Amino acid sequence: MIYAIKKQNESNERLMSRFKKIVQRSRIMETKRSRYHEQKPTKKYIREAAVKRAQYRKKREKAKFYS
């Protein structure tokens, strides 16, 4: 949990700006936005995943006969 305690003789505007800086440094909002707006997988990623699946499938088939 992130919080900012008001210092002596500190204005509310200054407290808010200090709190905003703390939140930005922690990247909480950035991760929240990225989770909310998930991107579709790219064609390159889909292709790489398919190749990996094929490799693992081949490896498992081979291990089935030689174990």
PDB file of N, CA and C in Angstrom:
ATOM      1  N   MET A   1       0.836  -1.165   0.000  1.00  0.00           N
ATOM      2  CA  MET A   1       0.000   0.000   0.000  1.00  0.00           C
ATOM      3  C   MET A   1       0.886   1.235   0.000  1.00  0.00           C
ATOM      4  N   ILE A   2       0.542   2.183  -0.825  1.00  0.00           N
ATOM      5  CA  ILE A   2       1.321   3.409  -0.945  1.00  0.00           C
ATOM      6  C   ILE A   2       0.587   4.531  -0.234  1.00  0.00           C
ATOM      7  N   TYR A   3       1.339   5.312   0.513  1.00  0.00           N
ATOM      8  CA  TYR A   3       0.744   6.448   1.197  1.00  0.00           C
ATOM      9  C   TYR A   3       1.785   7.536   1.349  1.00  0.00           C
ATOM     10  N   ALA A   4       1.322   8.762   1.586  1.00  0.00           N
ATOM     11  CA  ALA A   4       2.196   9.896   1.834  1.00  0.00           C
ATOM     12  C   ALA A   4       1.650  10.631   3.045  1.00  0.00           C
ATOM     13  N   ILE A   5       2.470  10.840   4.030  1.00  0.00           N
ATOM     14  CA  ILE A   5       2.060  11.538   5.245  1.00  0.00           C
ATOM     15  C   ILE A   5       2.402  13.012   5.087  1.00  0.00           C
ATOM     16  N   LYS A   6       1.459  13.834   5.460  1.00  0.00           N
ATOM     17  CA  LYS A   6       1.637  15.282   5.316  1.00  0.00           C
ATOM     18  C   LYS A   6       2.702  15.780   6.287  1.00  0.00           C
ATOM     19  N   LYS A   7       3.677  16.514   5.744  1.00  0.00           N
ATOM     20  CA  LYS A   7       4.738  17.074   6.567  1.00  0.00           C
ATOM     21  C   LYS A   7       4.262  18.395   7.178  1.00  0.00           C
ATOM     22  N   GLN A   8       5.003  18.844   8.151  1.00  0.00           N
ATOM     23  CA  GLN A   8       4.640  20.106   8.797  1.00  0.00           C
ATOM     24  C   GLN A   8       4.821  21.259   7.807  1.00  0.00           C
ATOM     25  N   ASN A   9       3.872  22.159   7.744  1.00  0.00           N
ATOM     26  CA  ASN A   9       3.872  23.326   6.845  1.00  0.00           C
ATOM     27  C   ASN A   9       3.852  22.920   5.372  1.00  0.00           C
ATOM     28  N   GLU A  10       3.292  21.778   5.045  1.00  0.00           N
ATOM     29  CA  GLU A  10       3.200  21.331   3.651  1.00  0.00           C
ATOM     30  C   GLU A  10       1.771  21.550   3.158  1.00  0.00           C
ATOM     31  N   SER A  11       1.638  22.127   1.973  1.00  0.00           N
ATOM     32  CA  SER A  11       0.306  22.374   1.426  1.00  0.00           C
ATOM     33  C   SER A  11      -0.280  21.084   0.865  1.00  0.00           C
ATOM     34  N   ASN A  12      -1.587  21.089   0.704  1.00  0.00           N
ATOM     35  CA  ASN A  12      -2.260  19.903   0.163  1.00  0.00           C
ATOM     36  C   ASN A  12      -1.836  19.629  -1.278  1.00  0.00           C
ATOM     37  N   GLU A  13      -1.601  20.691  -2.061  1.00  0.00           N
ATOM     38  CA  GLU A  13      -1.164  20.524  -3.446  1.00  0.00           C
ATOM     39  C   GLU A  13       0.203  19.841  -3.507  1.00  0.00           C
ATOM     40  N   ARG A  14       1.097  20.253  -2.619  1.00  0.00           N
ATOM     41  CA  ARG A  14       2.435  19.659  -2.585  1.00  0.00           C
ATOM     42  C   ARG A  14       2.362  18.186  -2.155  1.00  0.00           C
ATOM     43  N   LEU A  15       1.491  17.910  -1.201  1.00  0.00           N
ATOM     44  CA  LEU A  15       1.299  16.535  -0.752  1.00  0.00           C
ATOM     45  C   LEU A  15       0.782  15.664  -1.893  1.00  0.00           C
ATOM     46  N   MET A  16      -0.185  16.184  -2.647  1.00  0.00           N
ATOM     47  CA  MET A  16      -0.728  15.426  -3.775  1.00  0.00           C
ATOM     48  C   MET A  16       0.330  15.175  -4.845  1.00  0.00           C
ATOM     49  N   SER A  17       1.140  16.185  -5.142  1.00  0.00           N
ATOM     50  CA  SER A  17       2.173  15.996  -6.167  1.00  0.00           C
ATOM     51  C   SER A  17       3.218  14.993  -5.700  1.00  0.00           C
ATOM     52  N   ARG A  18       3.550  15.008  -4.418  1.00  0.00           N
ATOM     53  CA  ARG A  18       4.506  14.045  -3.879  1.00  0.00           C
ATOM     54  C   ARG A  18       3.936  12.624  -3.947  1.00  0.00           C
ATOM     55  N   PHE A  19       2.663  12.485  -3.640  1.00  0.00           N
ATOM     56  CA  PHE A  19       1.998  11.185  -3.721  1.00  0.00           C
ATOM     57  C   PHE A  19       1.979  10.675  -5.166  1.00  0.00           C
ATOM     58  N   LYS A  20       1.679  11.558  -6.119  1.00  0.00           N
ATOM     59  CA  LYS A  20       1.661  11.167  -7.525  1.00  0.00           C
ATOM     60  C   LYS A  20       3.033  10.671  -7.978  1.00  0.00           C
ATOM     61  N   LYS A  21       4.080  11.335  -7.520  1.00  0.00           N
ATOM     62  CA  LYS A  21       5.433  10.897  -7.874  1.00  0.00           C
ATOM     63  C   LYS A  21       5.730   9.505  -7.319  1.00  0.00           C
ATOM     64  N   ILE A  22       5.293   9.265  -6.093  1.00  0.00           N
ATOM     65  CA  ILE A  22       5.517   7.950  -5.486  1.00  0.00           C
ATOM     66  C   ILE A  22       4.798   6.867  -6.284  1.00  0.00           C
ATOM     67  N   VAL A  23       3.566   7.158  -6.695  1.00  0.00           N
ATOM     68  CA  VAL A  23       2.787   6.194  -7.475  1.00  0.00           C
ATOM     69  C   VAL A  23       3.447   5.946  -8.824  1.00  0.00           C
ATOM     70  N   GLN A  24       3.935   6.996  -9.475  1.00  0.00           N
ATOM     71  CA  GLN A  24       4.594   6.836 -10.772  1.00  0.00           C
ATOM     72  C   GLN A  24       5.857   6.000 -10.650  1.00  0.00           C
ATOM     73  N   ARG A  25       6.634   6.229  -9.605  1.00  0.00           N
ATOM     74  CA  ARG A  25       7.865   5.461  -9.414  1.00  0.00           C
ATOM     75  C   ARG A  25       7.584   3.984  -9.166  1.00  0.00           C
ATOM     76  N   SER A  26       6.461   3.692  -8.523  1.00  0.00           N
ATOM     77  CA  SER A  26       6.143   2.301  -8.220  1.00  0.00           C
ATOM     78  C   SER A  26       5.544   1.568  -9.419  1.00  0.00           C
ATOM     79  N   ARG A  27       5.149   2.281 -10.457  1.00  0.00           N
ATOM     80  CA  ARG A  27       4.595   1.730 -11.700  1.00  0.00           C
ATOM     81  C   ARG A  27       3.300   0.951 -11.489  1.00  0.00           C
ATOM     82  N   ILE A  28       2.547   1.315 -10.491  1.00  0.00           N
ATOM     83  CA  ILE A  28       1.277   0.632 -10.229  1.00  0.00           C
ATOM     84  C   ILE A  28       0.283   0.906 -11.347  1.00  0.00           C
ATOM     85  N   MET A  29       0.147   2.155 -11.741  1.00  0.00           N
ATOM     86  CA  MET A  29      -0.828   2.511 -12.768  1.00  0.00           C
ATOM     87  C   MET A  29      -0.444   1.904 -14.114  1.00  0.00           C
ATOM     88  N   GLU A  30       0.846   1.833 -14.383  1.00  0.00           N
ATOM     89  CA  GLU A  30       1.308   1.257 -15.646  1.00  0.00           C
ATOM     90  C   GLU A  30       0.918  -0.220 -15.750  1.00  0.00           C
ATOM     91  N   THR A  31       1.102  -0.961 -14.674  1.00  0.00           N
ATOM     92  CA  THR A  31       0.733  -2.374 -14.706  1.00  0.00           C
ATOM     93  C   THR A  31      -0.777  -2.544 -14.760  1.00  0.00           C
ATOM     94  N   LYS A  32      -1.499  -1.655 -14.095  1.00  0.00           N
ATOM     95  CA  LYS A  32      -2.960  -1.721 -14.124  1.00  0.00           C
ATOM     96  C   LYS A  32      -3.473  -1.499 -15.543  1.00  0.00           C
ATOM     97  N   ARG A  33      -2.927  -0.508 -16.229  1.00  0.00           N
ATOM     98  CA  ARG A  33      -3.348  -0.222 -17.596  1.00  0.00           C
ATOM     99  C   ARG A  33      -2.995  -1.367 -18.537  1.00  0.00           C
ATOM    100  N   SER A  34      -1.822  -1.927 -18.344  1.00  0.00           N
ATOM    101  CA  SER A  34      -1.414  -3.015 -19.237  1.00  0.00           C
ATOM    102  C   SER A  34      -2.289  -4.244 -19.037  1.00  0.00           C
ATOM    103  N   ARG A  35      -2.759  -4.475 -17.822  1.00  0.00           N
ATOM    104  CA  ARG A  35      -3.655  -5.599 -17.581  1.00  0.00           C
ATOM    105  C   ARG A  35      -5.033  -5.334 -18.151  1.00  0.00           C
ATOM    106  N   TYR A  36      -5.468  -4.086 -18.077  1.00  0.00           N
ATOM    107  CA  TYR A  36      -6.801  -3.725 -18.561  1.00  0.00           C
ATOM    108  C   TYR A  36      -6.865  -3.778 -20.080  1.00  0.00           C
ATOM    109  N   HIS A  37      -5.826  -3.279 -20.729  1.00  0.00           N
ATOM    110  CA  HIS A  37      -5.777  -3.237 -22.191  1.00  0.00           C
ATOM    111  C   HIS A  37      -4.771  -4.265 -22.684  1.00  0.00           C
ATOM    112  N   GLU A  38      -5.095  -5.518 -22.547  1.00  0.00           N
ATOM    113  CA  GLU A  38      -4.175  -6.545 -23.004  1.00  0.00           C
ATOM    114  C   GLU A  38      -4.112  -6.538 -24.517  1.00  0.00           C
ATOM    115  N   GLN A  39      -2.902  -6.648 -25.013  1.00  0.00           N
ATOM    116  CA  GLN A  39      -2.699  -6.624 -26.459  1.00  0.00           C
ATOM    117  C   GLN A  39      -2.894  -8.020 -27.027  1.00  0.00           C
ATOM    118  N   LYS A  40      -3.349  -8.051 -28.259  1.00  0.00           N
ATOM    119  CA  LYS A  40      -3.483  -9.321 -28.948  1.00  0.00           C
ATOM    120  C   LYS A  40      -2.093  -9.844 -29.275  1.00  0.00           C
ATOM    121  N   PRO A  41      -1.915 -11.154 -29.262  1.00  0.00           N
ATOM    122  CA  PRO A  41      -0.601 -11.695 -29.601  1.00  0.00           C
ATOM    123  C   PRO A  41      -0.263 -11.418 -31.071  1.00  0.00           C
ATOM    124  N   THR A  42       0.978 -11.082 -31.315  1.00  0.00           N
ATOM    125  CA  THR A  42       1.408 -10.779 -32.673  1.00  0.00           C
ATOM    126  C   THR A  42       1.565 -12.068 -33.471  1.00  0.00           C
ATOM    127  N   LYS A  43       1.611 -11.931 -34.771  1.00  0.00           N
ATOM    128  CA  LYS A  43       1.757 -13.103 -35.634  1.00  0.00           C
ATOM    129  C   LYS A  43       3.095 -13.786 -35.387  1.00  0.00           C
ATOM    130  N   LYS A  44       4.120 -12.982 -35.118  1.00  0.00           N
ATOM    131  CA  LYS A  44       5.440 -13.548 -34.855  1.00  0.00           C
ATOM    132  C   LYS A  44       5.400 -14.410 -33.596  1.00  0.00           C
ATOM    133  N   TYR A  45       4.755 -13.928 -32.552  1.00  0.00           N
ATOM    134  CA  TYR A  45       4.652 -14.677 -31.302  1.00  0.00           C
ATOM    135  C   TYR A  45       3.868 -15.971 -31.506  1.00  0.00           C
ATOM    136  N   ILE A  46       2.787 -15.906 -32.259  1.00  0.00           N
ATOM    137  CA  ILE A  46       1.966 -17.093 -32.517  1.00  0.00           C
ATOM    138  C   ILE A  46       2.775 -18.142 -33.264  1.00  0.00           C
ATOM    139  N   ARG A  47       3.541 -17.697 -34.267  1.00  0.00           N
ATOM    140  CA  ARG A  47       4.371 -18.610 -35.045  1.00  0.00           C
ATOM    141  C   ARG A  47       5.438 -19.269 -34.172  1.00  0.00           C
ATOM    142  N   GLU A  48       6.113 -18.455 -33.333  1.00  0.00           N
ATOM    143  CA  GLU A  48       7.158 -19.002 -32.464  1.00  0.00           C
ATOM    144  C   GLU A  48       6.577 -20.019 -31.485  1.00  0.00           C
ATOM    145  N   ALA A  49       5.399 -19.721 -30.964  1.00  0.00           N
ATOM    146  CA  ALA A  49       4.755 -20.644 -30.026  1.00  0.00           C
ATOM    147  C   ALA A  49       4.400 -21.953 -30.719  1.00  0.00           C
ATOM    148  N   ALA A  50       3.942 -21.880 -31.960  1.00  0.00           N
ATOM    149  CA  ALA A  50       3.594 -23.085 -32.706  1.00  0.00           C
ATOM    150  C   ALA A  50       4.835 -23.936 -32.963  1.00  0.00           C
ATOM    151  N   VAL A  51       5.943 -23.320 -33.279  1.00  0.00           N
ATOM    152  CA  VAL A  51       7.193 -24.046 -33.509  1.00  0.00           C
ATOM    153  C   VAL A  51       7.633 -24.740 -32.225  1.00  0.00           C
ATOM    154  N   LYS A  52       7.559 -24.021 -31.094  1.00  0.00           N
ATOM    155  CA  LYS A  52       7.943 -24.616 -29.814  1.00  0.00           C
ATOM    156  C   LYS A  52       7.054 -25.804 -29.473  1.00  0.00           C
ATOM    157  N   ARG A  53       5.738 -25.666 -29.698  1.00  0.00           N
ATOM    158  CA  ARG A  53       4.823 -26.775 -29.417  1.00  0.00           C
ATOM    159  C   ARG A  53       5.192 -27.995 -30.246  1.00  0.00           C
ATOM    160  N   ALA A  54       5.513 -27.759 -31.518  1.00  0.00           N
ATOM    161  CA  ALA A  54       5.883 -28.868 -32.393  1.00  0.00           C
ATOM    162  C   ALA A  54       7.166 -29.542 -31.902  1.00  0.00           C
ATOM    163  N   GLN A  55       8.122 -28.741 -31.444  1.00  0.00           N
ATOM    164  CA  GLN A  55       9.370 -29.311 -30.942  1.00  0.00           C
ATOM    165  C   GLN A  55       9.125 -30.156 -29.694  1.00  0.00           C
ATOM    166  N   TYR A  56       8.337 -29.629 -28.769  1.00  0.00           N
ATOM    167  CA  TYR A  56       8.043 -30.389 -27.555  1.00  0.00           C
ATOM    168  C   TYR A  56       7.250 -31.647 -27.862  1.00  0.00           C
ATOM    169  N   ARG A  57       6.321 -31.559 -28.807  1.00  0.00           N
ATOM    170  CA  ARG A  57       5.519 -32.716 -29.192  1.00  0.00           C
ATOM    171  C   ARG A  57       6.433 -33.813 -29.748  1.00  0.00           C
ATOM    172  N   LYS A  58       7.372 -33.417 -30.600  1.00  0.00           N
ATOM    173  CA  LYS A  58       8.311 -34.360 -31.195  1.00  0.00           C
ATOM    174  C   LYS A  58       9.193 -34.995 -30.117  1.00  0.00           C
ATOM    175  N   LYS A  59       9.618 -34.177 -29.154  1.00  0.00           N
ATOM    176  CA  LYS A  59      10.472 -34.671 -28.078  1.00  0.00           C
ATOM    177  C   LYS A  59       9.721 -35.675 -27.199  1.00  0.00           C
ATOM    178  N   ARG A  60       8.461 -35.399 -26.921  1.00  0.00           N
ATOM    179  CA  ARG A  60       7.662 -36.309 -26.097  1.00  0.00           C
ATOM    180  C   ARG A  60       7.406 -37.623 -26.823  1.00  0.00           C
ATOM    181  N   GLU A  61       7.133 -37.552 -28.096  1.00  0.00           N
ATOM    182  CA  GLU A  61       6.908 -38.776 -28.872  1.00  0.00           C
ATOM    183  C   GLU A  61       8.146 -39.643 -28.870  1.00  0.00           C
ATOM    184  N   LYS A  62       9.306 -39.019 -29.020  1.00  0.00           N
ATOM    185  CA  LYS A  62      10.563 -39.753 -29.038  1.00  0.00           C
ATOM    186  C   LYS A  62      10.823 -40.388 -27.667  1.00  0.00           C
ATOM    187  N   ALA A  63      10.536 -39.627 -26.607  1.00  0.00           N
ATOM    188  CA  ALA A  63      10.764 -40.140 -25.248  1.00  0.00           C
ATOM    189  C   ALA A  63       9.820 -41.282 -24.928  1.00  0.00           C
ATOM    190  N   LYS A  64       8.664 -41.312 -25.537  1.00  0.00           N
ATOM    191  CA  LYS A  64       7.675 -42.354 -25.277  1.00  0.00           C
ATOM    192  C   LYS A  64       8.224 -43.729 -25.677  1.00  0.00           C
ATOM    193  N   PHE A  65       8.983 -43.785 -26.748  1.00  0.00           N
ATOM    194  CA  PHE A  65       9.479 -45.061 -27.263  1.00  0.00           C
ATOM    195  C   PHE A  65      10.827 -45.443 -26.649  1.00  0.00           C
ATOM    196  N   TYR A  66      11.603 -44.481 -26.168  1.00  0.00           N
ATOM    197  CA  TYR A  66      12.939 -44.787 -25.665  1.00  0.00           C
ATOM    198  C   TYR A  66      13.066 -44.689 -24.157  1.00  0.00           C
ATOM    199  N   SER A  67      11.997 -44.671 -23.434  1.00  0.00           N
ATOM    200  CA  SER A  67      12.126 -44.593 -21.976  1.00  0.00           C
ATOM    201  C   SER A  67      11.896 -45.917 -21.291  1.00  0.00           C
TER     202      SER A  67
END
